[in-house]
Amino acid sequence: MSEQTKQQEQEIELNEELEQMQADVDAAVEAAEQQQGEMSPEAEIALLHSELEAAKQTINDQKDSVVRAAADVENMRRRAAQDVEKAHKFALEKFTNELLPVIDNLERAIEFSDKENETLKPLLEGIDMTVKSFNDAVAKFGVEIVNPQGEQFNPDFHQAMSIQPSNDVSPNTVLAVMQKGYTLNGRLLRPAMVMVSKAADA
C-alpha cells in the first residue's frame, strides 16, 4: 500500500471522527435546549438563582484573594522598611566594637598614671581630651556609655564579675565598675563589668 493511499485513508478516518464528534455536540446541545424548554418557570428561576449565587461566591473568593495579596505586599513592604531602618541604625556596630578597646586603653592610661607627676600632666590632659572627643563622636551615632556606679544591678546591661557583702548599700547595688558598657541605639554592644553588693552576714 502506497504512502498516498495510507494518507487518504487516515484523512477519511479523521473526517469520520470529526463528523461523529460534531454529531455528539449537536445532540448534547439539542438535549440541553429541549430540557430547558421543558423546565417550569419556577425551576428556571431556581436555576438562575443558583447560577447567580455561584457567581457571587466566585467574586467573593476573588476579592479575598486580592485582599490577601495586598496584605502580603504590605507586610513585605513593612519588613523591608524595618530591615532598612535596622541597617541604618546598626551599620556602625562592628566599627564601634573595634573602637571600644581603644577607648578602654586610653581610660586605663589615665587611671593608672601618676597624676602627681607634673611632667605627665599635659600628656594626661591630652589623653583625657582625646577620650572625650571619642565619646562625643560616637554619641552622635547613637552610642551611649553604660556606667552604672551606685545603681541597681540590671542583668540586661550589667555583667557581675564579683559579689561583695556590704551594710552601706542595699543588696544588688553596683559597688564598682571594672569596665564600662556601651549601647548602640538602645541595643547592647557590651555589658558593663561590675562588682555587686549583697547583704552582709549577721
N, C-alpha and C. Protein backbone atom coordinates (compact mmCIF):
# COMPACT_ATOMS: atom_id res chain seq x y z
N MET A 1 0.86 -1.18 0.00
CA MET A 1 0.00 0.00 0.00
C MET A 1 0.90 1.24 0.00
N SER A 2 0.60 2.16 -0.93
CA SER A 2 1.44 3.33 -1.07
C SER A 2 1.18 4.32 0.06
N GLU A 3 2.17 5.23 0.24
CA GLU A 3 2.05 6.27 1.26
C GLU A 3 0.86 7.17 0.99
N GLN A 4 0.59 7.44 -0.26
CA GLN A 4 -0.54 8.31 -0.62
C GLN A 4 -1.86 7.67 -0.23
N THR A 5 -1.96 6.35 -0.44
CA THR A 5 -3.19 5.65 -0.07
C THR A 5 -3.41 5.67 1.43
N LYS A 6 -2.31 5.42 2.16
CA LYS A 6 -2.39 5.46 3.63
C LYS A 6 -2.86 6.82 4.11
N GLN A 7 -2.30 7.87 3.49
CA GLN A 7 -2.67 9.24 3.89
C GLN A 7 -4.14 9.51 3.62
N GLN A 8 -4.63 9.01 2.49
CA GLN A 8 -6.04 9.21 2.15
C GLN A 8 -6.95 8.50 3.15
N GLU A 9 -6.56 7.26 3.53
CA GLU A 9 -7.35 6.51 4.49
C GLU A 9 -7.37 7.22 5.86
N GLN A 10 -6.20 7.76 6.27
CA GLN A 10 -6.14 8.48 7.55
C GLN A 10 -7.02 9.72 7.52
N GLU A 11 -7.04 10.41 6.36
CA GLU A 11 -7.88 11.60 6.24
C GLU A 11 -9.36 11.22 6.33
N ILE A 12 -9.71 10.10 5.74
CA ILE A 12 -11.11 9.65 5.78
C ILE A 12 -11.50 9.32 7.22
N GLU A 13 -10.62 8.58 7.94
CA GLU A 13 -10.90 8.23 9.33
C GLU A 13 -11.04 9.48 10.19
N LEU A 14 -10.13 10.47 9.96
CA LEU A 14 -10.17 11.70 10.73
C LEU A 14 -11.46 12.46 10.48
N ASN A 15 -11.89 12.51 9.21
CA ASN A 15 -13.13 13.21 8.89
C ASN A 15 -14.32 12.53 9.54
N GLU A 16 -14.30 11.16 9.53
CA GLU A 16 -15.39 10.43 10.16
C GLU A 16 -15.46 10.72 11.66
N GLU A 17 -14.26 10.80 12.32
CA GLU A 17 -14.23 11.10 13.76
C GLU A 17 -14.74 12.50 14.04
N LEU A 18 -14.34 13.46 13.19
CA LEU A 18 -14.81 14.83 13.37
C LEU A 18 -16.32 14.92 13.20
N GLU A 19 -16.84 14.20 12.19
CA GLU A 19 -18.28 14.21 11.96
C GLU A 19 -19.03 13.60 13.15
N GLN A 20 -18.46 12.53 13.74
CA GLN A 20 -19.09 11.90 14.89
C GLN A 20 -19.08 12.83 16.10
N MET A 21 -17.91 13.54 16.31
CA MET A 21 -17.81 14.48 17.42
C MET A 21 -18.81 15.62 17.26
N GLN A 22 -18.95 16.12 16.02
CA GLN A 22 -19.90 17.21 15.77
C GLN A 22 -21.32 16.75 16.03
N ALA A 23 -21.59 15.48 15.64
CA ALA A 23 -22.93 14.93 15.86
C ALA A 23 -23.21 14.81 17.35
N ASP A 24 -22.21 14.39 18.12
CA ASP A 24 -22.39 14.27 19.58
C ASP A 24 -22.65 15.64 20.20
N VAL A 25 -21.90 16.65 19.76
CA VAL A 25 -22.09 18.01 20.29
C VAL A 25 -23.48 18.51 19.96
N ASP A 26 -23.90 18.32 18.70
CA ASP A 26 -25.23 18.78 18.29
C ASP A 26 -26.31 18.09 19.11
N ALA A 27 -26.12 16.80 19.36
CA ALA A 27 -27.11 16.05 20.14
C ALA A 27 -27.17 16.59 21.56
N ALA A 28 -25.99 16.90 22.14
CA ALA A 28 -25.96 17.41 23.51
C ALA A 28 -26.64 18.78 23.59
N VAL A 29 -26.36 19.63 22.61
CA VAL A 29 -26.98 20.97 22.60
C VAL A 29 -28.49 20.84 22.45
N GLU A 30 -28.90 19.96 21.56
CA GLU A 30 -30.34 19.77 21.35
C GLU A 30 -31.02 19.26 22.61
N ALA A 31 -30.34 18.33 23.31
CA ALA A 31 -30.92 17.79 24.54
C ALA A 31 -31.01 18.87 25.62
N ALA A 32 -29.97 19.72 25.69
CA ALA A 32 -29.99 20.78 26.68
C ALA A 32 -31.10 21.78 26.39
N GLU A 33 -31.26 22.12 25.09
CA GLU A 33 -32.31 23.08 24.73
C GLU A 33 -33.70 22.50 25.01
N GLN A 34 -33.82 21.20 24.73
CA GLN A 34 -35.11 20.54 24.98
C GLN A 34 -35.42 20.52 26.47
N GLN A 35 -34.37 20.22 27.27
CA GLN A 35 -34.58 20.18 28.72
C GLN A 35 -34.93 21.56 29.27
N GLN A 36 -34.25 22.59 28.73
CA GLN A 36 -34.54 23.95 29.19
C GLN A 36 -35.96 24.36 28.78
N GLY A 37 -36.35 23.92 27.59
CA GLY A 37 -37.69 24.26 27.14
C GLY A 37 -38.75 23.58 27.99
N GLU A 38 -38.40 22.43 28.53
CA GLU A 38 -39.36 21.69 29.33
C GLU A 38 -39.39 22.15 30.78
N MET A 39 -38.42 23.02 31.21
CA MET A 39 -38.36 23.46 32.60
C MET A 39 -39.52 24.41 32.91
N SER A 40 -40.04 24.27 34.10
CA SER A 40 -41.09 25.19 34.55
C SER A 40 -40.47 26.54 34.90
N PRO A 41 -41.25 27.61 34.95
CA PRO A 41 -40.69 28.91 35.33
C PRO A 41 -40.02 28.89 36.71
N GLU A 42 -40.64 28.14 37.64
CA GLU A 42 -40.05 28.07 38.98
C GLU A 42 -38.68 27.40 38.94
N ALA A 43 -38.58 26.31 38.17
CA ALA A 43 -37.30 25.61 38.07
C ALA A 43 -36.26 26.47 37.39
N GLU A 44 -36.70 27.22 36.34
CA GLU A 44 -35.75 28.09 35.64
C GLU A 44 -35.26 29.20 36.57
N ILE A 45 -36.18 29.77 37.39
CA ILE A 45 -35.79 30.80 38.35
C ILE A 45 -34.81 30.24 39.37
N ALA A 46 -35.10 29.01 39.84
CA ALA A 46 -34.21 28.38 40.81
C ALA A 46 -32.83 28.15 40.21
N LEU A 47 -32.80 27.74 38.93
CA LEU A 47 -31.52 27.52 38.26
C LEU A 47 -30.74 28.83 38.13
N LEU A 48 -31.46 29.87 37.70
CA LEU A 48 -30.82 31.18 37.56
C LEU A 48 -30.31 31.68 38.91
N HIS A 49 -31.10 31.47 39.97
CA HIS A 49 -30.69 31.89 41.31
C HIS A 49 -29.43 31.14 41.75
N SER A 50 -29.40 29.83 41.45
CA SER A 50 -28.23 29.03 41.81
C SER A 50 -26.99 29.52 41.07
N GLU A 51 -27.15 29.83 39.77
CA GLU A 51 -26.02 30.33 38.99
C GLU A 51 -25.56 31.69 39.52
N LEU A 52 -26.53 32.53 39.94
CA LEU A 52 -26.19 33.84 40.49
C LEU A 52 -25.39 33.70 41.79
N GLU A 53 -25.83 32.79 42.67
CA GLU A 53 -25.12 32.59 43.93
C GLU A 53 -23.71 32.07 43.68
N ALA A 54 -23.61 31.17 42.68
CA ALA A 54 -22.27 30.65 42.35
C ALA A 54 -21.36 31.76 41.84
N ALA A 55 -21.93 32.66 41.04
CA ALA A 55 -21.14 33.79 40.53
C ALA A 55 -20.72 34.72 41.66
N LYS A 56 -21.66 34.96 42.62
CA LYS A 56 -21.32 35.81 43.77
C LYS A 56 -20.19 35.19 44.58
N GLN A 57 -20.27 33.86 44.79
CA GLN A 57 -19.24 33.18 45.57
C GLN A 57 -17.88 33.30 44.88
N THR A 58 -17.90 33.16 43.56
CA THR A 58 -16.66 33.30 42.79
C THR A 58 -16.06 34.70 42.96
N ILE A 59 -16.94 35.72 42.91
CA ILE A 59 -16.48 37.10 43.09
C ILE A 59 -15.91 37.30 44.49
N ASN A 60 -16.59 36.75 45.51
CA ASN A 60 -16.11 36.90 46.89
C ASN A 60 -14.75 36.22 47.07
N ASP A 61 -14.61 35.03 46.47
CA ASP A 61 -13.33 34.32 46.56
C ASP A 61 -12.22 35.14 45.92
N GLN A 62 -12.53 35.76 44.78
CA GLN A 62 -11.53 36.59 44.10
C GLN A 62 -11.20 37.83 44.93
N LYS A 63 -12.23 38.40 45.58
CA LYS A 63 -11.97 39.55 46.45
C LYS A 63 -11.04 39.17 47.59
N ASP A 64 -11.31 38.00 48.21
CA ASP A 64 -10.45 37.53 49.31
C ASP A 64 -9.02 37.34 48.83
N SER A 65 -8.87 36.80 47.66
CA SER A 65 -7.52 36.59 47.11
C SER A 65 -6.80 37.92 46.91
N VAL A 66 -7.55 38.91 46.40
CA VAL A 66 -6.94 40.23 46.17
C VAL A 66 -6.56 40.87 47.51
N VAL A 67 -7.45 40.76 48.51
CA VAL A 67 -7.16 41.34 49.82
C VAL A 67 -5.94 40.68 50.45
N ARG A 68 -5.88 39.34 50.36
CA ARG A 68 -4.73 38.63 50.92
C ARG A 68 -3.43 39.01 50.21
N ALA A 69 -3.52 39.14 48.89
CA ALA A 69 -2.32 39.53 48.13
C ALA A 69 -1.87 40.93 48.52
N ALA A 70 -2.84 41.85 48.68
CA ALA A 70 -2.49 43.22 49.09
C ALA A 70 -1.87 43.23 50.49
N ALA A 71 -2.41 42.40 51.40
CA ALA A 71 -1.85 42.32 52.76
C ALA A 71 -0.44 41.76 52.73
N ASP A 72 -0.21 40.75 51.89
CA ASP A 72 1.14 40.18 51.78
C ASP A 72 2.13 41.21 51.26
N VAL A 73 1.71 41.99 50.27
CA VAL A 73 2.58 43.04 49.72
C VAL A 73 2.89 44.08 50.78
N GLU A 74 1.87 44.47 51.55
CA GLU A 74 2.07 45.48 52.60
C GLU A 74 3.02 44.96 53.68
N ASN A 75 2.85 43.68 54.05
CA ASN A 75 3.75 43.09 55.04
C ASN A 75 5.19 43.05 54.53
N MET A 76 5.35 42.70 53.27
CA MET A 76 6.70 42.68 52.69
C MET A 76 7.31 44.07 52.67
N ARG A 77 6.48 45.07 52.33
CA ARG A 77 6.97 46.45 52.31
C ARG A 77 7.38 46.91 53.71
N ARG A 78 6.55 46.52 54.72
CA ARG A 78 6.85 46.92 56.09
C ARG A 78 8.14 46.25 56.59
N ARG A 79 8.29 44.96 56.28
CA ARG A 79 9.50 44.25 56.70
C ARG A 79 10.74 44.84 56.03
N ALA A 80 10.60 45.18 54.76
CA ALA A 80 11.74 45.78 54.05
C ALA A 80 12.12 47.11 54.66
N ALA A 81 11.10 47.92 55.03
CA ALA A 81 11.38 49.21 55.66
C ALA A 81 12.06 49.01 57.02
N GLN A 82 11.61 48.01 57.78
CA GLN A 82 12.25 47.72 59.07
C GLN A 82 13.69 47.27 58.89
N ASP A 83 13.93 46.45 57.87
CA ASP A 83 15.30 45.99 57.62
C ASP A 83 16.21 47.15 57.26
N VAL A 84 15.68 48.06 56.45
CA VAL A 84 16.49 49.23 56.07
C VAL A 84 16.77 50.10 57.30
N GLU A 85 15.75 50.28 58.15
CA GLU A 85 15.93 51.08 59.36
C GLU A 85 16.98 50.45 60.28
N LYS A 86 16.91 49.13 60.45
CA LYS A 86 17.90 48.45 61.29
C LYS A 86 19.30 48.58 60.68
N ALA A 87 19.36 48.45 59.37
CA ALA A 87 20.67 48.57 58.71
C ALA A 87 21.27 49.95 58.95
N HIS A 88 20.43 50.99 58.91
CA HIS A 88 20.92 52.35 59.17
C HIS A 88 21.35 52.50 60.62
N LYS A 89 20.55 51.93 61.54
CA LYS A 89 20.84 52.11 62.96
C LYS A 89 22.10 51.38 63.41
N PHE A 90 22.28 50.16 62.86
CA PHE A 90 23.32 49.30 63.40
C PHE A 90 24.46 49.05 62.41
N ALA A 91 24.54 49.89 61.39
CA ALA A 91 25.63 49.74 60.41
C ALA A 91 27.00 49.95 61.06
N LEU A 92 27.04 50.77 62.12
CA LEU A 92 28.32 51.09 62.78
C LEU A 92 28.66 50.12 63.90
N GLU A 93 27.87 49.07 64.09
CA GLU A 93 28.08 48.18 65.24
C GLU A 93 29.47 47.55 65.22
N LYS A 94 29.87 46.99 64.09
CA LYS A 94 31.17 46.34 64.02
C LYS A 94 32.30 47.35 64.23
N PHE A 95 32.18 48.50 63.59
CA PHE A 95 33.21 49.53 63.74
C PHE A 95 33.31 49.99 65.18
N THR A 96 32.15 50.19 65.83
CA THR A 96 32.15 50.66 67.22
C THR A 96 32.79 49.62 68.14
N ASN A 97 32.49 48.35 67.92
CA ASN A 97 33.08 47.29 68.74
C ASN A 97 34.60 47.28 68.62
N GLU A 98 35.10 47.59 67.43
CA GLU A 98 36.55 47.67 67.24
C GLU A 98 37.14 48.90 67.93
N LEU A 99 36.34 49.93 68.08
CA LEU A 99 36.82 51.18 68.67
C LEU A 99 36.83 51.15 70.20
N LEU A 100 35.96 50.36 70.80
CA LEU A 100 35.83 50.34 72.27
C LEU A 100 37.13 49.99 72.99
N PRO A 101 37.90 48.99 72.54
CA PRO A 101 39.17 48.71 73.24
C PRO A 101 40.14 49.88 73.21
N VAL A 102 40.09 50.68 72.16
CA VAL A 102 40.95 51.87 72.10
C VAL A 102 40.57 52.85 73.20
N ILE A 103 39.26 53.08 73.35
CA ILE A 103 38.80 53.98 74.42
C ILE A 103 39.16 53.41 75.78
N ASP A 104 39.00 52.09 75.96
CA ASP A 104 39.36 51.45 77.23
C ASP A 104 40.82 51.68 77.57
N ASN A 105 41.70 51.49 76.60
CA ASN A 105 43.13 51.64 76.85
C ASN A 105 43.50 53.08 77.20
N LEU A 106 42.85 54.02 76.54
CA LEU A 106 43.11 55.43 76.86
C LEU A 106 42.65 55.75 78.29
N GLU A 107 41.50 55.22 78.67
CA GLU A 107 41.00 55.47 80.03
C GLU A 107 41.89 54.79 81.07
N ARG A 108 42.40 53.61 80.77
CA ARG A 108 43.31 52.94 81.71
C ARG A 108 44.61 53.73 81.85
N ALA A 109 45.06 54.30 80.74
CA ALA A 109 46.29 55.10 80.80
C ALA A 109 46.12 56.26 81.77
N ILE A 110 44.94 56.88 81.76
CA ILE A 110 44.68 57.98 82.69
C ILE A 110 44.54 57.46 84.11
N GLU A 111 43.82 56.34 84.26
CA GLU A 111 43.52 55.82 85.60
C GLU A 111 44.77 55.39 86.35
N PHE A 112 45.70 54.75 85.65
CA PHE A 112 46.86 54.17 86.34
C PHE A 112 48.12 55.03 86.21
N SER A 113 47.99 56.22 85.71
CA SER A 113 49.16 57.10 85.59
C SER A 113 49.42 57.84 86.90
N ASP A 114 50.60 58.39 87.00
CA ASP A 114 50.99 59.17 88.18
C ASP A 114 50.48 60.60 87.98
N LYS A 115 49.34 60.86 88.60
CA LYS A 115 48.71 62.16 88.40
C LYS A 115 49.43 63.29 89.14
N GLU A 116 50.32 62.92 90.04
CA GLU A 116 51.08 63.94 90.77
C GLU A 116 52.32 64.37 90.02
N ASN A 117 52.64 63.66 88.98
CA ASN A 117 53.83 63.98 88.20
C ASN A 117 53.52 65.15 87.28
N GLU A 118 54.15 66.27 87.55
CA GLU A 118 53.89 67.48 86.77
C GLU A 118 54.27 67.32 85.30
N THR A 119 55.27 66.49 85.08
CA THR A 119 55.73 66.30 83.70
C THR A 119 54.66 65.60 82.86
N LEU A 120 53.89 64.70 83.50
CA LEU A 120 52.89 63.92 82.78
C LEU A 120 51.55 64.64 82.62
N LYS A 121 51.34 65.69 83.39
CA LYS A 121 50.03 66.34 83.38
C LYS A 121 49.59 66.80 81.99
N PRO A 122 50.44 67.47 81.21
CA PRO A 122 50.00 67.87 79.86
C PRO A 122 49.62 66.66 79.00
N LEU A 123 50.39 65.58 79.15
CA LEU A 123 50.09 64.37 78.38
C LEU A 123 48.75 63.78 78.79
N LEU A 124 48.52 63.72 80.11
CA LEU A 124 47.26 63.15 80.60
C LEU A 124 46.06 64.01 80.19
N GLU A 125 46.26 65.32 80.20
CA GLU A 125 45.19 66.21 79.76
C GLU A 125 44.86 65.96 78.28
N GLY A 126 45.90 65.74 77.48
CA GLY A 126 45.69 65.46 76.06
C GLY A 126 44.95 64.14 75.86
N ILE A 127 45.33 63.12 76.66
CA ILE A 127 44.64 61.83 76.55
C ILE A 127 43.18 61.96 76.98
N ASP A 128 42.97 62.73 78.05
CA ASP A 128 41.60 62.92 78.54
C ASP A 128 40.75 63.62 77.48
N MET A 129 41.30 64.61 76.83
CA MET A 129 40.57 65.30 75.77
C MET A 129 40.28 64.36 74.59
N THR A 130 41.24 63.48 74.31
CA THR A 130 41.04 62.51 73.22
C THR A 130 39.90 61.57 73.54
N VAL A 131 39.85 61.08 74.80
CA VAL A 131 38.77 60.18 75.21
C VAL A 131 37.42 60.89 75.08
N LYS A 132 37.36 62.13 75.55
CA LYS A 132 36.10 62.88 75.45
C LYS A 132 35.70 63.08 73.99
N SER A 133 36.68 63.33 73.13
CA SER A 133 36.38 63.51 71.71
C SER A 133 35.84 62.22 71.10
N PHE A 134 36.45 61.10 71.49
CA PHE A 134 35.96 59.80 71.02
C PHE A 134 34.51 59.60 71.45
N ASN A 135 34.25 59.82 72.75
CA ASN A 135 32.90 59.59 73.28
C ASN A 135 31.88 60.52 72.63
N ASP A 136 32.26 61.78 72.42
CA ASP A 136 31.34 62.72 71.77
C ASP A 136 31.07 62.31 70.32
N ALA A 137 32.10 61.81 69.65
CA ALA A 137 31.95 61.42 68.25
C ALA A 137 31.00 60.23 68.11
N VAL A 138 31.20 59.19 68.92
CA VAL A 138 30.36 58.01 68.79
C VAL A 138 28.94 58.27 69.30
N ALA A 139 28.81 59.23 70.26
CA ALA A 139 27.48 59.56 70.78
C ALA A 139 26.60 60.15 69.68
N LYS A 140 27.20 60.84 68.71
CA LYS A 140 26.44 61.41 67.61
C LYS A 140 25.76 60.33 66.76
N PHE A 141 26.28 59.10 66.85
CA PHE A 141 25.74 58.00 66.06
C PHE A 141 24.97 57.00 66.91
N GLY A 142 24.55 57.45 68.11
CA GLY A 142 23.68 56.62 68.95
C GLY A 142 24.39 55.73 69.94
N VAL A 143 25.70 55.89 70.11
CA VAL A 143 26.44 55.08 71.09
C VAL A 143 26.39 55.77 72.44
N GLU A 144 25.95 55.04 73.47
CA GLU A 144 25.87 55.59 74.83
C GLU A 144 26.67 54.73 75.79
N ILE A 145 27.23 55.40 76.80
CA ILE A 145 28.05 54.71 77.80
C ILE A 145 27.14 54.13 78.87
N VAL A 146 27.44 52.91 79.32
CA VAL A 146 26.75 52.28 80.45
C VAL A 146 27.73 52.29 81.62
N ASN A 147 27.53 53.23 82.53
CA ASN A 147 28.42 53.37 83.71
C ASN A 147 27.53 53.40 84.96
N PRO A 148 27.16 52.21 85.48
CA PRO A 148 26.10 52.13 86.50
C PRO A 148 26.59 52.24 87.95
N GLN A 149 27.62 52.99 88.19
CA GLN A 149 28.13 53.13 89.55
C GLN A 149 27.03 53.61 90.50
N GLY A 150 26.76 52.82 91.57
CA GLY A 150 25.75 53.19 92.55
C GLY A 150 24.33 52.85 92.15
N GLU A 151 24.12 52.29 90.97
CA GLU A 151 22.78 51.94 90.51
C GLU A 151 22.46 50.49 90.87
N GLN A 152 21.18 50.14 90.72
CA GLN A 152 20.78 48.75 90.92
C GLN A 152 21.30 47.88 89.77
N PHE A 153 21.71 46.68 90.11
CA PHE A 153 22.23 45.76 89.11
C PHE A 153 21.12 45.40 88.11
N ASN A 154 21.44 45.51 86.82
CA ASN A 154 20.50 45.18 85.75
C ASN A 154 21.16 44.14 84.85
N PRO A 155 20.70 42.89 84.91
CA PRO A 155 21.36 41.84 84.11
C PRO A 155 21.27 42.06 82.61
N ASP A 156 20.36 42.92 82.17
CA ASP A 156 20.26 43.19 80.74
C ASP A 156 21.43 44.03 80.23
N PHE A 157 22.04 44.81 81.14
CA PHE A 157 23.11 45.71 80.72
C PHE A 157 24.39 45.56 81.55
N HIS A 158 24.33 44.78 82.63
CA HIS A 158 25.49 44.62 83.51
C HIS A 158 25.90 43.17 83.60
N GLN A 159 27.19 42.95 83.76
CA GLN A 159 27.72 41.60 83.97
C GLN A 159 28.45 41.59 85.31
N ALA A 160 27.92 40.80 86.26
CA ALA A 160 28.51 40.75 87.60
C ALA A 160 29.78 39.93 87.56
N MET A 161 30.91 40.56 87.93
CA MET A 161 32.19 39.87 87.97
C MET A 161 32.51 39.37 89.38
N SER A 162 31.93 40.04 90.38
CA SER A 162 32.14 39.62 91.77
C SER A 162 31.00 40.15 92.62
N ILE A 163 30.84 39.54 93.80
CA ILE A 163 29.79 39.95 94.74
C ILE A 163 30.47 40.26 96.08
N GLN A 164 30.13 41.40 96.65
CA GLN A 164 30.77 41.86 97.87
C GLN A 164 29.72 42.15 98.94
N PRO A 165 29.82 41.53 100.13
CA PRO A 165 28.90 41.87 101.22
C PRO A 165 29.06 43.35 101.62
N SER A 166 27.94 43.99 101.91
CA SER A 166 28.01 45.40 102.31
C SER A 166 26.78 45.77 103.12
N ASN A 167 27.03 46.53 104.20
CA ASN A 167 25.95 47.09 105.00
C ASN A 167 25.64 48.53 104.61
N ASP A 168 26.47 49.10 103.74
CA ASP A 168 26.34 50.52 103.41
C ASP A 168 25.29 50.77 102.32
N VAL A 169 25.05 49.77 101.49
CA VAL A 169 24.09 49.94 100.40
C VAL A 169 23.14 48.75 100.39
N SER A 170 22.04 48.90 99.67
CA SER A 170 21.08 47.80 99.58
C SER A 170 21.65 46.69 98.70
N PRO A 171 21.19 45.46 98.88
CA PRO A 171 21.67 44.36 98.04
C PRO A 171 21.42 44.64 96.56
N ASN A 172 22.30 44.07 95.72
CA ASN A 172 22.22 44.20 94.26
C ASN A 172 22.51 45.62 93.78
N THR A 173 23.29 46.34 94.56
CA THR A 173 23.76 47.66 94.13
C THR A 173 25.14 47.52 93.51
N VAL A 174 25.40 48.26 92.45
CA VAL A 174 26.71 48.22 91.80
C VAL A 174 27.70 49.01 92.66
N LEU A 175 28.67 48.29 93.24
CA LEU A 175 29.67 48.93 94.09
C LEU A 175 30.82 49.53 93.28
N ALA A 176 31.17 48.88 92.20
CA ALA A 176 32.29 49.36 91.39
C ALA A 176 32.09 48.90 89.94
N VAL A 177 32.58 49.73 89.03
CA VAL A 177 32.53 49.41 87.60
C VAL A 177 33.95 49.10 87.14
N MET A 178 34.18 47.86 86.78
CA MET A 178 35.51 47.44 86.34
C MET A 178 35.75 47.80 84.88
N GLN A 179 34.68 47.76 84.10
CA GLN A 179 34.77 48.16 82.69
C GLN A 179 33.41 48.69 82.25
N LYS A 180 33.41 49.85 81.65
CA LYS A 180 32.16 50.45 81.21
C LYS A 180 31.53 49.62 80.08
N GLY A 181 30.21 49.70 80.00
CA GLY A 181 29.50 49.08 78.90
C GLY A 181 29.07 50.13 77.89
N TYR A 182 28.54 49.65 76.77
CA TYR A 182 28.09 50.56 75.72
C TYR A 182 26.85 50.00 75.03
N THR A 183 25.98 50.91 74.60
CA THR A 183 24.81 50.54 73.79
C THR A 183 24.84 51.33 72.49
N LEU A 184 24.20 50.76 71.47
CA LEU A 184 24.07 51.43 70.18
C LEU A 184 22.59 51.51 69.84
N ASN A 185 22.05 52.72 69.88
CA ASN A 185 20.62 52.94 69.63
C ASN A 185 19.76 52.01 70.49
N GLY A 186 20.15 51.88 71.75
CA GLY A 186 19.38 51.09 72.70
C GLY A 186 19.72 49.62 72.74
N ARG A 187 20.50 49.14 71.77
CA ARG A 187 20.88 47.73 71.75
C ARG A 187 22.27 47.57 72.38
N LEU A 188 22.39 46.56 73.23
CA LEU A 188 23.63 46.37 73.98
C LEU A 188 24.77 45.96 73.06
N LEU A 189 25.86 46.73 73.13
CA LEU A 189 27.08 46.35 72.43
C LEU A 189 27.99 45.53 73.34
N ARG A 190 28.11 46.01 74.60
CA ARG A 190 28.96 45.33 75.57
C ARG A 190 28.45 45.65 76.96
N PRO A 191 28.23 44.62 77.80
CA PRO A 191 27.74 44.89 79.15
C PRO A 191 28.83 45.52 80.01
N ALA A 192 28.39 46.29 80.99
CA ALA A 192 29.35 46.84 81.95
C ALA A 192 29.74 45.73 82.93
N MET A 193 31.04 45.59 83.17
CA MET A 193 31.53 44.59 84.13
C MET A 193 31.59 45.24 85.50
N VAL A 194 30.86 44.66 86.45
CA VAL A 194 30.65 45.34 87.73
C VAL A 194 30.86 44.41 88.91
N MET A 195 31.04 45.06 90.07
CA MET A 195 31.01 44.38 91.38
C MET A 195 29.69 44.72 92.03
N VAL A 196 28.98 43.70 92.53
CA VAL A 196 27.64 43.88 93.06
C VAL A 196 27.61 43.58 94.55
N SER A 197 26.78 44.33 95.26
CA SER A 197 26.67 44.12 96.72
C SER A 197 25.66 43.04 97.05
N LYS A 198 25.87 42.46 98.21
CA LYS A 198 24.86 41.57 98.79
C LYS A 198 24.77 41.88 100.28
N ALA A 199 23.72 41.40 100.93
CA ALA A 199 23.54 41.66 102.36
C ALA A 199 24.70 41.02 103.14
N ALA A 200 25.23 41.80 104.06
CA ALA A 200 26.34 41.29 104.87
C ALA A 200 25.82 40.24 105.87
N ASP A 201 26.67 39.28 106.17
CA ASP A 201 26.28 38.26 107.14
C ASP A 201 26.11 38.89 108.51
N ALA A 202 25.07 38.43 109.20
CA ALA A 202 24.79 38.99 110.53
C ALA A 202 25.87 38.55 111.51
